[in-house]
Amino acid sequence: MIRRTGIHCAPILLIVFAGILAACGGGEESPQAQGPAPPPSGPVSVLAWDPPVNYADNAAMDPYRDLDHYELYVRTDGNFTEVDLPVALIAAVSDAPTAGGNPGSKLLEKEFILENVQPFIPPGNRHFVSLRAVGIDGQKSGFMNPVAWDKI
């Protein structure tokens, strides 16, 4: 959840898996409604998403200014809970590469290479991955729908 001008709001996780290399499961974003994602159509190696652009009340959000980072979660089942710990933190905004050392523009991070977390996850071939957006005020969104990840 992200607080906006004193109003308690959660960003709508429009973390749509545009560009994801596997199918994702449907359902609500609440932990109780999550179930395992269907098997991917091919090996998943990059998790991609669209950053949220609206709060829960549909007020516009500036992800460049209002998002701090994403938390990446990995489990052997798709039942993510509030007590789970993230295996990686991904900056929401980074500096764009520049030529000649000139200050660059900012880029929204929209993908993560899953193999980067392999040393930090439990053994097994099938895992499930989820993200949460974290605002600059520290409030967290709900979990995105889990995606099946078959390690190769």
C-alpha atoms as a PDB file:
ATOM      1  CA  MET A   1       0.000   0.000   0.000  1.00  0.00           C
ATOM      2  CA  ILE A   2       1.139   3.517  -0.664  1.00  0.00           C
ATOM      3  CA  ARG A   3       0.012   6.581   1.265  1.00  0.00           C
ATOM      4  CA  ARG A   4      -0.919   9.536  -0.921  1.00  0.00           C
ATOM      5  CA  THR A   5      -1.297  12.979   0.640  1.00  0.00           C
ATOM      6  CA  GLY A   6      -2.372  11.475   3.925  1.00  0.00           C
ATOM      7  CA  ILE A   7      -4.944   9.128   2.384  1.00  0.00           C
ATOM      8  CA  HIS A   8      -4.264   5.421   2.868  1.00  0.00           C
ATOM      9  CA  CYS A   9      -4.254   3.947  -0.650  1.00  0.00           C
ATOM     10  CA  ALA A  10      -2.886   0.835  -2.282  1.00  0.00           C
ATOM     11  CA  PRO A  11      -1.533   1.048  -5.796  1.00  0.00           C
ATOM     12  CA  ILE A  12      -3.386  -1.045  -8.278  1.00  0.00           C
ATOM     13  CA  LEU A  13      -0.830  -3.513  -9.323  1.00  0.00           C
ATOM     14  CA  LEU A  14      -1.157  -3.311 -13.007  1.00  0.00           C
ATOM     15  CA  ILE A  15       1.773  -5.611 -13.042  1.00  0.00           C
ATOM     16  CA  VAL A  16       0.679  -7.168 -16.236  1.00  0.00           C
ATOM     17  CA  PHE A  17       3.110  -9.653 -17.505  1.00  0.00           C
ATOM     18  CA  ALA A  18       3.637  -7.860 -20.791  1.00  0.00           C
ATOM     19  CA  GLY A  19       6.683  -9.438 -22.256  1.00  0.00           C
ATOM     20  CA  ILE A  20       6.677 -12.359 -19.846  1.00  0.00           C
ATOM     21  CA  LEU A  21       7.835 -15.533 -21.411  1.00  0.00           C
ATOM     22  CA  ALA A  22       5.162 -17.698 -19.774  1.00  0.00           C
ATOM     23  CA  ALA A  23       1.443 -17.723 -19.142  1.00  0.00           C
ATOM     24  CA  CYS A  24       0.186 -16.498 -15.788  1.00  0.00           C
ATOM     25  CA  GLY A  25      -2.760 -17.551 -13.650  1.00  0.00           C
ATOM     26  CA  GLY A  26      -5.834 -15.432 -13.089  1.00  0.00           C
ATOM     27  CA  GLY A  27      -7.556 -14.586  -9.870  1.00  0.00           C
ATOM     28  CA  GLU A  28      -7.602 -11.931  -7.209  1.00  0.00           C
ATOM     29  CA  GLU A  29      -4.516 -10.379  -5.690  1.00  0.00           C
ATOM     30  CA  SER A  30      -5.342 -11.373  -2.122  1.00  0.00           C
ATOM     31  CA  PRO A  31      -3.182 -14.132  -0.676  1.00  0.00           C
ATOM     32  CA  GLN A  32      -6.246 -16.272   0.048  1.00  0.00           C
ATOM     33  CA  ALA A  33      -7.313 -16.289  -3.613  1.00  0.00           C
ATOM     34  CA  GLN A  34      -3.929 -17.240  -5.000  1.00  0.00           C
ATOM     35  CA  GLY A  35      -3.438 -20.651  -6.463  1.00  0.00           C
ATOM     36  CA  PRO A  36      -0.654 -22.202  -8.449  1.00  0.00           C
ATOM     37  CA  ALA A  37      -0.118 -20.710 -11.868  1.00  0.00           C
ATOM     38  CA  PRO A  38      -0.596 -22.957 -14.866  1.00  0.00           C
ATOM     39  CA  PRO A  39       2.504 -24.555 -16.371  1.00  0.00           C
ATOM     40  CA  PRO A  40       4.471 -22.131 -18.527  1.00  0.00           C
ATOM     41  CA  SER A  41       4.433 -22.522 -22.276  1.00  0.00           C
ATOM     42  CA  GLY A  42       8.232 -22.424 -22.300  1.00  0.00           C
ATOM     43  CA  PRO A  43      11.085 -21.813 -19.891  1.00  0.00           C
ATOM     44  CA  VAL A  44      10.717 -18.576 -17.950  1.00  0.00           C
ATOM     45  CA  SER A  45      13.975 -16.705 -17.631  1.00  0.00           C
ATOM     46  CA  VAL A  46      12.834 -13.078 -17.469  1.00  0.00           C
ATOM     47  CA  LEU A  47       9.997 -11.755 -15.340  1.00  0.00           C
ATOM     48  CA  ALA A  48       8.531  -8.607 -16.919  1.00  0.00           C
ATOM     49  CA  TRP A  49       5.787  -6.268 -15.703  1.00  0.00           C
ATOM     50  CA  ASP A  50       4.217  -2.858 -16.203  1.00  0.00           C
ATOM     51  CA  PRO A  51       4.715  -0.563 -13.190  1.00  0.00           C
ATOM     52  CA  PRO A  52       1.509   0.654 -11.505  1.00  0.00           C
ATOM     53  CA  VAL A  53       0.252   4.052 -12.687  1.00  0.00           C
ATOM     54  CA  ASN A  54      -2.824   4.419 -10.445  1.00  0.00           C
ATOM     55  CA  TYR A  55      -3.581   4.168  -6.755  1.00  0.00           C
ATOM     56  CA  ALA A  56      -6.433   1.985  -5.481  1.00  0.00           C
ATOM     57  CA  ASP A  57      -8.755   5.006  -5.703  1.00  0.00           C
ATOM     58  CA  ASN A  58      -7.779   5.415  -9.395  1.00  0.00           C
ATOM     59  CA  ALA A  59      -5.885   8.632  -8.681  1.00  0.00           C
ATOM     60  CA  ALA A  60      -2.908   8.984 -10.993  1.00  0.00           C
ATOM     61  CA  MET A  61       0.455   7.857  -9.654  1.00  0.00           C
ATOM     62  CA  ASP A  62       3.831   9.006 -10.890  1.00  0.00           C
ATOM     63  CA  PRO A  63       5.853   5.772 -10.693  1.00  0.00           C
ATOM     64  CA  TYR A  64       9.085   7.747 -11.204  1.00  0.00           C
ATOM     65  CA  ARG A  65       8.378   9.729  -8.041  1.00  0.00           C
ATOM     66  CA  ASP A  66       6.104   7.486  -5.939  1.00  0.00           C
ATOM     67  CA  LEU A  67       7.674   4.010  -6.282  1.00  0.00           C
ATOM     68  CA  ASP A  68      10.814   3.041  -4.395  1.00  0.00           C
ATOM     69  CA  HIS A  69      11.372  -0.613  -5.262  1.00  0.00           C
ATOM     70  CA  TYR A  70       9.848  -4.003  -5.948  1.00  0.00           C
ATOM     71  CA  GLU A  71      10.180  -7.072  -3.759  1.00  0.00           C
ATOM     72  CA  LEU A  72      10.651 -10.388  -5.565  1.00  0.00           C
ATOM     73  CA  TYR A  73       9.307 -13.502  -3.834  1.00  0.00           C
ATOM     74  CA  VAL A  74       9.965 -17.144  -4.711  1.00  0.00           C
ATOM     75  CA  ARG A  75       8.230 -20.204  -3.209  1.00  0.00           C
ATOM     76  CA  THR A  76       7.778 -23.863  -4.095  1.00  0.00           C
ATOM     77  CA  ASP A  77       4.004 -23.236  -4.091  1.00  0.00           C
ATOM     78  CA  GLY A  78       1.975 -20.218  -5.182  1.00  0.00           C
ATOM     79  CA  ASN A  79       0.638 -19.287  -1.730  1.00  0.00           C
ATOM     80  CA  PHE A  80       2.472 -16.068  -0.853  1.00  0.00           C
ATOM     81  CA  THR A  81       1.780 -14.563   2.578  1.00  0.00           C
ATOM     82  CA  GLU A  82       2.709 -11.497   4.609  1.00  0.00           C
ATOM     83  CA  VAL A  83       5.314 -13.504   6.552  1.00  0.00           C
ATOM     84  CA  ASP A  84       7.287 -14.464   3.419  1.00  0.00           C
ATOM     85  CA  LEU A  85      10.602 -12.706   2.940  1.00  0.00           C
ATOM     86  CA  PRO A  86      11.676 -11.348  -0.443  1.00  0.00           C
ATOM     87  CA  VAL A  87      14.673 -12.971  -2.122  1.00  0.00           C
ATOM     88  CA  ALA A  88      15.541  -9.803  -4.067  1.00  0.00           C
ATOM     89  CA  LEU A  89      14.841  -6.079  -4.044  1.00  0.00           C
ATOM     90  CA  ILE A  90      14.638  -4.363  -7.422  1.00  0.00           C
ATOM     91  CA  ALA A  91      14.977  -0.579  -7.688  1.00  0.00           C
ATOM     92  CA  ALA A  92      11.869   0.897  -9.310  1.00  0.00           C
ATOM     93  CA  VAL A  93      13.834   3.682 -10.999  1.00  0.00           C
ATOM     94  CA  SER A  94      17.415   3.754 -12.205  1.00  0.00           C
ATOM     95  CA  ASP A  95      19.649   6.165 -14.084  1.00  0.00           C
ATOM     96  CA  ALA A  96      19.686   5.706 -17.833  1.00  0.00           C
ATOM     97  CA  PRO A  97      23.115   5.001 -19.317  1.00  0.00           C
ATOM     98  CA  THR A  98      24.658   8.087 -20.838  1.00  0.00           C
ATOM     99  CA  ALA A  99      27.465   8.839 -23.233  1.00  0.00           C
ATOM    100  CA  GLY A 100      30.287  11.131 -22.185  1.00  0.00           C
ATOM    101  CA  GLY A 101      29.371  11.184 -18.492  1.00  0.00           C
ATOM    102  CA  ASN A 102      26.471  13.622 -18.941  1.00  0.00           C
ATOM    103  CA  PRO A 103      23.584  13.282 -16.497  1.00  0.00           C
ATOM    104  CA  GLY A 104      20.983  10.966 -17.963  1.00  0.00           C
ATOM    105  CA  SER A 105      17.292  10.497 -17.654  1.00  0.00           C
ATOM    106  CA  LYS A 106      15.544   8.029 -15.370  1.00  0.00           C
ATOM    107  CA  LEU A 107      14.303   4.577 -16.410  1.00  0.00           C
ATOM    108  CA  LEU A 108      11.505   2.555 -14.839  1.00  0.00           C
ATOM    109  CA  GLU A 109      12.642  -0.998 -14.190  1.00  0.00           C
ATOM    110  CA  LYS A 110      10.274  -3.438 -15.864  1.00  0.00           C
ATOM    111  CA  GLU A 111      12.050  -6.799 -15.872  1.00  0.00           C
ATOM    112  CA  PHE A 112      14.238  -9.102 -13.842  1.00  0.00           C
ATOM    113  CA  ILE A 113      16.405 -12.067 -14.864  1.00  0.00           C
ATOM    114  CA  LEU A 114      15.260 -14.935 -12.643  1.00  0.00           C
ATOM    115  CA  GLU A 115      18.535 -16.835 -12.822  1.00  0.00           C
ATOM    116  CA  ASN A 116      20.030 -14.068 -10.624  1.00  0.00           C
ATOM    117  CA  VAL A 117      18.214 -15.527  -7.596  1.00  0.00           C
ATOM    118  CA  GLN A 118      18.888 -19.244  -8.176  1.00  0.00           C
ATOM    119  CA  PRO A 119      21.595 -19.458  -5.461  1.00  0.00           C
ATOM    120  CA  PHE A 120      19.132 -18.067  -2.892  1.00  0.00           C
ATOM    121  CA  ILE A 121      16.129 -20.329  -3.398  1.00  0.00           C
ATOM    122  CA  PRO A 122      15.322 -23.822  -2.111  1.00  0.00           C
ATOM    123  CA  PRO A 123      16.148 -26.882  -4.221  1.00  0.00           C
ATOM    124  CA  GLY A 124      13.609 -28.085  -6.727  1.00  0.00           C
ATOM    125  CA  ASN A 125      12.726 -27.630 -10.352  1.00  0.00           C
ATOM    126  CA  ARG A 126       9.371 -25.820 -10.085  1.00  0.00           C
ATOM    127  CA  HIS A 127       9.021 -22.559  -8.195  1.00  0.00           C
ATOM    128  CA  PHE A 128       6.501 -19.736  -8.195  1.00  0.00           C
ATOM    129  CA  VAL A 129       7.429 -16.071  -8.433  1.00  0.00           C
ATOM    130  CA  SER A 130       5.533 -12.969  -7.315  1.00  0.00           C
ATOM    131  CA  LEU A 131       6.269  -9.237  -6.924  1.00  0.00           C
ATOM    132  CA  ARG A 132       5.091  -6.452  -4.652  1.00  0.00           C
ATOM    133  CA  ALA A 133       5.511  -2.742  -5.340  1.00  0.00           C
ATOM    134  CA  VAL A 134       6.841  -0.656  -2.434  1.00  0.00           C
ATOM    135  CA  GLY A 135       6.249   3.082  -2.297  1.00  0.00           C
ATOM    136  CA  ILE A 136       8.700   5.712  -1.134  1.00  0.00           C
ATOM    137  CA  ASP A 137       6.701   5.807   2.110  1.00  0.00           C
ATOM    138  CA  GLY A 138       7.367   2.083   2.676  1.00  0.00           C
ATOM    139  CA  GLN A 139       3.818   0.877   2.113  1.00  0.00           C
ATOM    140  CA  LYS A 140       3.431  -2.268   0.011  1.00  0.00           C
ATOM    141  CA  SER A 141       0.960  -3.341  -2.618  1.00  0.00           C
ATOM    142  CA  GLY A 142      -0.641  -6.767  -2.653  1.00  0.00           C
ATOM    143  CA  PHE A 143       1.135  -9.699  -4.247  1.00  0.00           C
ATOM    144  CA  MET A 144       0.836 -10.022  -7.995  1.00  0.00           C
ATOM    145  CA  ASN A 145      -0.536 -13.299  -9.310  1.00  0.00           C
ATOM    146  CA  PRO A 146       2.152 -15.979  -9.067  1.00  0.00           C
ATOM    147  CA  VAL A 147       3.978 -17.189 -12.150  1.00  0.00           C
ATOM    148  CA  ALA A 148       5.321 -20.731 -12.479  1.00  0.00           C
ATOM    149  CA  TRP A 149       9.092 -20.922 -13.001  1.00  0.00           C
ATOM    150  CA  ASP A 150      10.635 -24.186 -14.125  1.00  0.00           C
ATOM    151  CA  LYS A 151      14.361 -23.927 -13.511  1.00  0.00           C
ATOM    152  CA  ILE A 152      16.555 -25.418 -16.171  1.00  0.00           C
END
